[in-house]
Structures are given as structure tokens and as C-alpha cells.
PDB file of all heavy atoms in Angstrom:
ATOM      1  N   ASP A   1    -201.446 -35.028  87.315  1.00  0.00           N
ATOM      2  CA  ASP A   1    -201.243 -33.578  87.439  1.00  0.00           C
ATOM      3  C   ASP A   1    -201.041 -32.868  86.110  1.00  0.00           C
ATOM      4  O   ASP A   1    -200.827 -31.657  86.093  1.00  0.00           O
ATOM      5  CB  ASP A   1    -200.026 -33.292  88.327  1.00  0.00           C
ATOM      6  CG  ASP A   1    -198.719 -33.639  87.630  1.00  0.00           C
ATOM      7  OD1 ASP A   1    -198.554 -34.809  87.214  1.00  0.00           O
ATOM      8  OD2 ASP A   1    -197.880 -32.749  87.479  1.00  0.00           O
ATOM      9  N   SER A   2    -201.115 -33.587  84.987  1.00  0.00           N
ATOM     10  CA  SER A   2    -200.729 -32.970  83.726  1.00  0.00           C
ATOM     11  C   SER A   2    -201.741 -33.213  82.622  1.00  0.00           C
ATOM     12  O   SER A   2    -202.676 -34.016  82.755  1.00  0.00           O
ATOM     13  CB  SER A   2    -199.369 -33.510  83.275  1.00  0.00           C
ATOM     14  OG  SER A   2    -199.515 -34.823  82.754  1.00  0.00           O
ATOM     15  N   GLU A   3    -201.500 -32.523  81.489  1.00  0.00           N
ATOM     16  CA  GLU A   3    -202.328 -32.716  80.304  1.00  0.00           C
ATOM     17  C   GLU A   3    -202.164 -34.129  79.748  1.00  0.00           C
ATOM     18  O   GLU A   3    -203.108 -34.701  79.182  1.00  0.00           O
ATOM     19  CB  GLU A   3    -201.975 -31.671  79.243  1.00  0.00           C
ATOM     20  CG  GLU A   3    -200.652 -31.848  78.526  1.00  0.00           C
ATOM     21  CD  GLU A   3    -199.436 -31.418  79.326  1.00  0.00           C
ATOM     22  OE1 GLU A   3    -199.573 -31.081  80.528  1.00  0.00           O
ATOM     23  OE2 GLU A   3    -198.326 -31.416  78.768  1.00  0.00           O
ATOM     24  N   VAL A   4    -200.997 -34.713  79.925  1.00  0.00           N
ATOM     25  CA  VAL A   4    -200.771 -36.091  79.488  1.00  0.00           C
ATOM     26  C   VAL A   4    -201.689 -37.041  80.249  1.00  0.00           C
ATOM     27  O   VAL A   4    -202.252 -37.983  79.679  1.00  0.00           O
ATOM     28  CB  VAL A   4    -199.292 -36.488  79.680  1.00  0.00           C
ATOM     29  CG1 VAL A   4    -199.074 -37.965  79.346  1.00  0.00           C
ATOM     30  CG2 VAL A   4    -198.393 -35.618  78.821  1.00  0.00           C
ATOM     31  N   ASP A   5    -201.869 -36.789  81.535  1.00  0.00           N
ATOM     32  CA  ASP A   5    -202.735 -37.639  82.349  1.00  0.00           C
ATOM     33  C   ASP A   5    -204.203 -37.513  81.936  1.00  0.00           C
ATOM     34  O   ASP A   5    -204.935 -38.506  81.913  1.00  0.00           O
ATOM     35  CB  ASP A   5    -202.564 -37.292  83.828  1.00  0.00           C
ATOM     36  CG  ASP A   5    -201.145 -37.521  84.312  1.00  0.00           C
ATOM     37  OD1 ASP A   5    -200.575 -38.574  83.971  1.00  0.00           O
ATOM     38  OD2 ASP A   5    -200.606 -36.662  85.014  1.00  0.00           O
ATOM     39  N   ILE A   6    -204.624 -36.302  81.624  1.00  0.00           N
ATOM     40  CA  ILE A   6    -206.003 -36.091  81.167  1.00  0.00           C
ATOM     41  C   ILE A   6    -206.265 -36.887  79.893  1.00  0.00           C
ATOM     42  O   ILE A   6    -207.275 -37.592  79.769  1.00  0.00           O
ATOM     43  CB  ILE A   6    -206.267 -34.589  80.924  1.00  0.00           C
ATOM     44  CG1 ILE A   6    -206.155 -33.811  82.232  1.00  0.00           C
ATOM     45  CG2 ILE A   6    -207.644 -34.375  80.297  1.00  0.00           C
ATOM     46  CD1 ILE A   6    -206.086 -32.305  82.045  1.00  0.00           C
ATOM     47  N   GLN A   7    -205.333 -36.798  78.942  1.00  0.00           N
ATOM     48  CA  GLN A   7    -205.498 -37.508  77.676  1.00  0.00           C
ATOM     49  C   GLN A   7    -205.392 -39.017  77.865  1.00  0.00           C
ATOM     50  O   GLN A   7    -206.106 -39.790  77.222  1.00  0.00           O
ATOM     51  CB  GLN A   7    -204.460 -37.035  76.664  1.00  0.00           C
ATOM     52  CG  GLN A   7    -204.706 -37.559  75.252  1.00  0.00           C
ATOM     53  CD  GLN A   7    -206.049 -37.148  74.705  1.00  0.00           C
ATOM     54  OE1 GLN A   7    -206.362 -35.963  74.680  1.00  0.00           O
ATOM     55  NE2 GLN A   7    -206.860 -38.107  74.273  1.00  0.00           N
ATOM     56  N   THR A   8    -204.493 -39.433  78.761  1.00  0.00           N
ATOM     57  CA  THR A   8    -204.362 -40.864  79.052  1.00  0.00           C
ATOM     58  C   THR A   8    -205.669 -41.434  79.572  1.00  0.00           C
ATOM     59  O   THR A   8    -206.124 -42.499  79.130  1.00  0.00           O
ATOM     60  CB  THR A   8    -203.246 -41.101  80.084  1.00  0.00           C
ATOM     61  OG1 THR A   8    -202.013 -40.597  79.574  1.00  0.00           O
ATOM     62  CG2 THR A   8    -203.101 -42.578  80.410  1.00  0.00           C
ATOM     63  N   ALA A   9    -206.261 -40.736  80.532  1.00  0.00           N
ATOM     64  CA  ALA A   9    -207.536 -41.195  81.099  1.00  0.00           C
ATOM     65  C   ALA A   9    -208.610 -41.267  80.022  1.00  0.00           C
ATOM     66  O   ALA A   9    -209.386 -42.234  79.959  1.00  0.00           O
ATOM     67  CB  ALA A   9    -207.961 -40.270  82.226  1.00  0.00           C
ATOM     68  N   ALA A  10    -208.670 -40.248  79.173  1.00  0.00           N
ATOM     69  CA  ALA A  10    -209.661 -40.249  78.088  1.00  0.00           C
ATOM     70  C   ALA A  10    -209.442 -41.441  77.155  1.00  0.00           C
ATOM     71  O   ALA A  10    -210.404 -42.126  76.764  1.00  0.00           O
ATOM     72  CB  ALA A  10    -209.587 -38.942  77.317  1.00  0.00           C
ATOM     73  N   ASN A  11    -208.182 -41.702  76.816  1.00  0.00           N
ATOM     74  CA  ASN A  11    -207.875 -42.818  75.916  1.00  0.00           C
ATOM     75  C   ASN A  11    -208.181 -44.168  76.556  1.00  0.00           C
ATOM     76  O   ASN A  11    -208.503 -45.134  75.856  1.00  0.00           O
ATOM     77  CB  ASN A  11    -206.412 -42.765  75.498  1.00  0.00           C
ATOM     78  CG  ASN A  11    -206.115 -41.588  74.582  1.00  0.00           C
ATOM     79  OD1 ASN A  11    -207.022 -41.038  73.959  1.00  0.00           O
ATOM     80  ND2 ASN A  11    -204.856 -41.194  74.502  1.00  0.00           N
ATOM     81  N   ALA A  12    -208.081 -44.240  77.873  1.00  0.00           N
ATOM     82  CA  ALA A  12    -208.387 -45.481  78.598  1.00  0.00           C
ATOM     83  C   ALA A  12    -209.852 -45.562  79.005  1.00  0.00           C
ATOM     84  O   ALA A  12    -210.262 -46.514  79.659  1.00  0.00           O
ATOM     85  CB  ALA A  12    -207.504 -45.593  79.840  1.00  0.00           C
ATOM     86  N   LYS A  13    -210.636 -44.510  78.627  1.00  0.00           N
ATOM     87  CA  LYS A  13    -212.066 -44.448  78.940  1.00  0.00           C
ATOM     88  C   LYS A  13    -212.320 -44.464  80.451  1.00  0.00           C
ATOM     89  O   LYS A  13    -213.190 -45.176  80.959  1.00  0.00           O
ATOM     90  CB  LYS A  13    -212.824 -45.569  78.231  1.00  0.00           C
ATOM     91  CG  LYS A  13    -212.752 -45.475  76.712  1.00  0.00           C
ATOM     92  CD  LYS A  13    -213.486 -46.609  76.028  1.00  0.00           C
ATOM     93  CE  LYS A  13    -213.586 -46.371  74.534  1.00  0.00           C
ATOM     94  NZ  LYS A  13    -212.302 -46.115  73.865  1.00  0.00           N
ATOM     95  N   MET A  14    -211.512 -43.627  81.150  1.00  0.00           N
ATOM     96  CA  MET A  14    -211.623 -43.490  82.599  1.00  0.00           C
ATOM     97  C   MET A  14    -211.886 -42.041  82.964  1.00  0.00           C
ATOM     98  O   MET A  14    -211.521 -41.123  82.233  1.00  0.00           O
ATOM     99  CB  MET A  14    -210.312 -43.926  83.276  1.00  0.00           C
ATOM    100  CG  MET A  14    -209.974 -45.382  83.125  1.00  0.00           C
ATOM    101  SD  MET A  14    -208.259 -45.715  83.639  1.00  0.00           S
ATOM    102  CE  MET A  14    -208.312 -45.233  85.365  1.00  0.00           C
ATOM    103  N   LEU A  15    -212.494 -41.842  84.124  1.00  0.00           N
ATOM    104  CA  LEU A  15    -212.573 -40.508  84.686  1.00  0.00           C
ATOM    105  C   LEU A  15    -211.188 -40.092  85.182  1.00  0.00           C
ATOM    106  O   LEU A  15    -210.376 -40.941  85.556  1.00  0.00           O
ATOM    107  CB  LEU A  15    -213.558 -40.478  85.852  1.00  0.00           C
ATOM    108  CG  LEU A  15    -215.040 -40.698  85.515  1.00  0.00           C
ATOM    109  CD1 LEU A  15    -215.870 -40.676  86.792  1.00  0.00           C
ATOM    110  CD2 LEU A  15    -215.537 -39.643  84.541  1.00  0.00           C
ATOM    111  N   CYS A  16    -210.939 -38.773  85.197  1.00  0.00           N
ATOM    112  CA  CYS A  16    -209.647 -38.268  85.639  1.00  0.00           C
ATOM    113  C   CYS A  16    -209.834 -37.161  86.662  1.00  0.00           C
ATOM    114  O   CYS A  16    -210.652 -36.249  86.463  1.00  0.00           O
ATOM    115  CB  CYS A  16    -208.867 -37.715  84.448  1.00  0.00           C
ATOM    116  SG  CYS A  16    -207.213 -37.089  84.857  1.00  0.00           S
ATOM    117  N   ILE A  17    -209.089 -37.247  87.757  1.00  0.00           N
ATOM    118  CA  ILE A  17    -209.001 -36.161  88.739  1.00  0.00           C
ATOM    119  C   ILE A  17    -207.648 -35.493  88.548  1.00  0.00           C
ATOM    120  O   ILE A  17    -206.602 -36.157  88.606  1.00  0.00           O
ATOM    121  CB  ILE A  17    -209.139 -36.680  90.173  1.00  0.00           C
ATOM    122  CG1 ILE A  17    -210.499 -37.350  90.376  1.00  0.00           C
ATOM    123  CG2 ILE A  17    -208.953 -35.536  91.183  1.00  0.00           C
ATOM    124  CD1 ILE A  17    -210.660 -38.034  91.726  1.00  0.00           C
ATOM    125  N   SER A  18    -207.661 -34.188  88.305  1.00  0.00           N
ATOM    126  CA  SER A  18    -206.418 -33.427  88.116  1.00  0.00           C
ATOM    127  C   SER A  18    -206.027 -32.749  89.417  1.00  0.00           C
ATOM    128  O   SER A  18    -206.815 -31.981  89.981  1.00  0.00           O
ATOM    129  CB  SER A  18    -206.611 -32.369  87.021  1.00  0.00           C
ATOM    130  OG  SER A  18    -206.866 -32.974  85.772  1.00  0.00           O
ATOM    131  N   VAL A  19    -204.820 -33.040  89.896  1.00  0.00           N
ATOM    132  CA  VAL A  19    -204.357 -32.447  91.147  1.00  0.00           C
ATOM    133  C   VAL A  19    -203.645 -31.130  90.857  1.00  0.00           C
ATOM    134  O   VAL A  19    -203.016 -30.970  89.805  1.00  0.00           O
ATOM    135  CB  VAL A  19    -203.443 -33.414  91.926  1.00  0.00           C
ATOM    136  CG1 VAL A  19    -204.137 -34.760  92.136  1.00  0.00           C
ATOM    137  CG2 VAL A  19    -202.100 -33.618  91.225  1.00  0.00           C
ATOM    138  N   LEU A  20    -203.743 -30.203  91.790  1.00  0.00           N
ATOM    139  CA  LEU A  20    -203.236 -28.848  91.571  1.00  0.00           C
ATOM    140  C   LEU A  20    -201.960 -28.545  92.350  1.00  0.00           C
ATOM    141  O   LEU A  20    -201.494 -27.408  92.343  1.00  0.00           O
ATOM    142  CB  LEU A  20    -204.323 -27.824  91.930  1.00  0.00           C
ATOM    143  CG  LEU A  20    -205.614 -27.949  91.120  1.00  0.00           C
ATOM    144  CD1 LEU A  20    -206.627 -26.904  91.567  1.00  0.00           C
ATOM    145  CD2 LEU A  20    -205.343 -27.819  89.629  1.00  0.00           C
ATOM    146  N   TRP A  21    -201.378 -29.562  92.994  1.00  0.00           N
ATOM    147  CA  TRP A  21    -200.124 -29.344  93.728  1.00  0.00           C
ATOM    148  C   TRP A  21    -198.908 -29.780  92.890  1.00  0.00           C
ATOM    149  O   TRP A  21    -197.786 -29.697  93.355  1.00  0.00           O
ATOM    150  CB  TRP A  21    -200.131 -30.102  95.053  1.00  0.00           C
ATOM    151  CG  TRP A  21    -200.316 -31.587  94.914  1.00  0.00           C
ATOM    152  CD1 TRP A  21    -199.366 -32.518  94.564  1.00  0.00           C
ATOM    153  CD2 TRP A  21    -201.526 -32.323  95.115  1.00  0.00           C
ATOM    154  NE1 TRP A  21    -199.905 -33.780  94.538  1.00  0.00           N
ATOM    155  CE2 TRP A  21    -201.232 -33.688  94.885  1.00  0.00           C
ATOM    156  CE3 TRP A  21    -202.821 -31.965  95.478  1.00  0.00           C
ATOM    157  CZ2 TRP A  21    -202.198 -34.689  94.989  1.00  0.00           C
ATOM    158  CZ3 TRP A  21    -203.781 -32.961  95.594  1.00  0.00           C
ATOM    159  CH2 TRP A  21    -203.467 -34.298  95.351  1.00  0.00           C
ATOM    160  N   GLY A  22    -199.143 -30.227  91.667  1.00  0.00           N
ATOM    161  CA  GLY A  22    -198.065 -30.795  90.866  1.00  0.00           C
ATOM    162  C   GLY A  22    -197.392 -29.816  89.936  1.00  0.00           C
ATOM    163  O   GLY A  22    -197.123 -28.670  90.301  1.00  0.00           O
ATOM    164  N   PHE A  23    -197.165 -30.242  88.682  1.00  0.00           N
ATOM    165  CA  PHE A  23    -196.300 -29.514  87.763  1.00  0.00           C
ATOM    166  C   PHE A  23    -197.048 -28.614  86.784  1.00  0.00           C
ATOM    167  O   PHE A  23    -196.422 -27.971  85.944  1.00  0.00           O
ATOM    168  CB  PHE A  23    -195.432 -30.498  86.966  1.00  0.00           C
ATOM    169  CG  PHE A  23    -194.513 -31.339  87.820  1.00  0.00           C
ATOM    170  CD1 PHE A  23    -193.962 -32.509  87.315  1.00  0.00           C
ATOM    171  CD2 PHE A  23    -194.187 -30.972  89.120  1.00  0.00           C
ATOM    172  CE1 PHE A  23    -193.108 -33.294  88.083  1.00  0.00           C
ATOM    173  CE2 PHE A  23    -193.331 -31.742  89.898  1.00  0.00           C
ATOM    174  CZ  PHE A  23    -192.796 -32.903  89.380  1.00  0.00           C
ATOM    175  N   ARG A  24    -198.383 -28.583  86.831  1.00  0.00           N
ATOM    176  CA  ARG A  24    -199.151 -27.756  85.911  1.00  0.00           C
ATOM    177  C   ARG A  24    -200.140 -26.887  86.689  1.00  0.00           C
ATOM    178  O   ARG A  24    -200.644 -27.277  87.735  1.00  0.00           O
ATOM    179  CB  ARG A  24    -199.924 -28.623  84.909  1.00  0.00           C
ATOM    180  CG  ARG A  24    -199.070 -29.555  84.080  1.00  0.00           C
ATOM    181  CD  ARG A  24    -198.225 -28.823  83.053  1.00  0.00           C
ATOM    182  NE  ARG A  24    -197.592 -29.761  82.134  1.00  0.00           N
ATOM    183  CZ  ARG A  24    -196.389 -30.280  82.301  1.00  0.00           C
ATOM    184  NH1 ARG A  24    -195.657 -29.983  83.375  1.00  0.00           N
ATOM    185  NH2 ARG A  24    -195.890 -31.122  81.405  1.00  0.00           N
ATOM    186  N   LYS A  25    -200.443 -25.716  86.120  1.00  0.00           N
ATOM    187  CA  LYS A  25    -201.389 -24.789  86.738  1.00  0.00           C
ATOM    188  C   LYS A  25    -202.820 -25.125  86.326  1.00  0.00           C
ATOM    189  O   LYS A  25    -203.061 -25.725  85.268  1.00  0.00           O
ATOM    190  CB  LYS A  25    -201.051 -23.353  86.350  1.00  0.00           C
ATOM    191  CG  LYS A  25    -199.700 -22.881  86.863  1.00  0.00           C
ATOM    192  CD  LYS A  25    -199.466 -21.424  86.525  1.00  0.00           C
ATOM    193  CE  LYS A  25    -198.082 -20.970  87.012  1.00  0.00           C
ATOM    194  NZ  LYS A  25    -197.961 -21.076  88.475  1.00  0.00           N
ATOM    195  N   LYS A  26    -203.791 -24.684  87.138  1.00  0.00           N
ATOM    196  CA  LYS A  26    -205.191 -25.000  86.889  1.00  0.00           C
ATOM    197  C   LYS A  26    -205.650 -24.469  85.540  1.00  0.00           C
ATOM    198  O   LYS A  26    -206.374 -25.156  84.803  1.00  0.00           O
ATOM    199  CB  LYS A  26    -206.067 -24.436  88.008  1.00  0.00           C
ATOM    200  CG  LYS A  26    -207.533 -24.819  87.866  1.00  0.00           C
ATOM    201  CD  LYS A  26    -208.354 -24.342  89.055  1.00  0.00           C
ATOM    202  CE  LYS A  26    -209.802 -24.802  88.918  1.00  0.00           C
ATOM    203  NZ  LYS A  26    -210.624 -24.386  90.098  1.00  0.00           N
TER     204      LYS A  26
END
């Protein structure tokens, strides 16, 4: 749900799905 997750996925060379019910806005 966060920018940390987006960067984590990129660093792990994975696709990332960002959920919109969590702690960050779209």
C-alpha cells in the first residue's frame, strides 16, 4: 500500500500491485 512497497518490488525485480484501501492515497 505504500511507496516503500513500490520501491521494494522494483529492487526485488518484481511486479507490484498497489492497494488503495491502505495508508497512502492514489
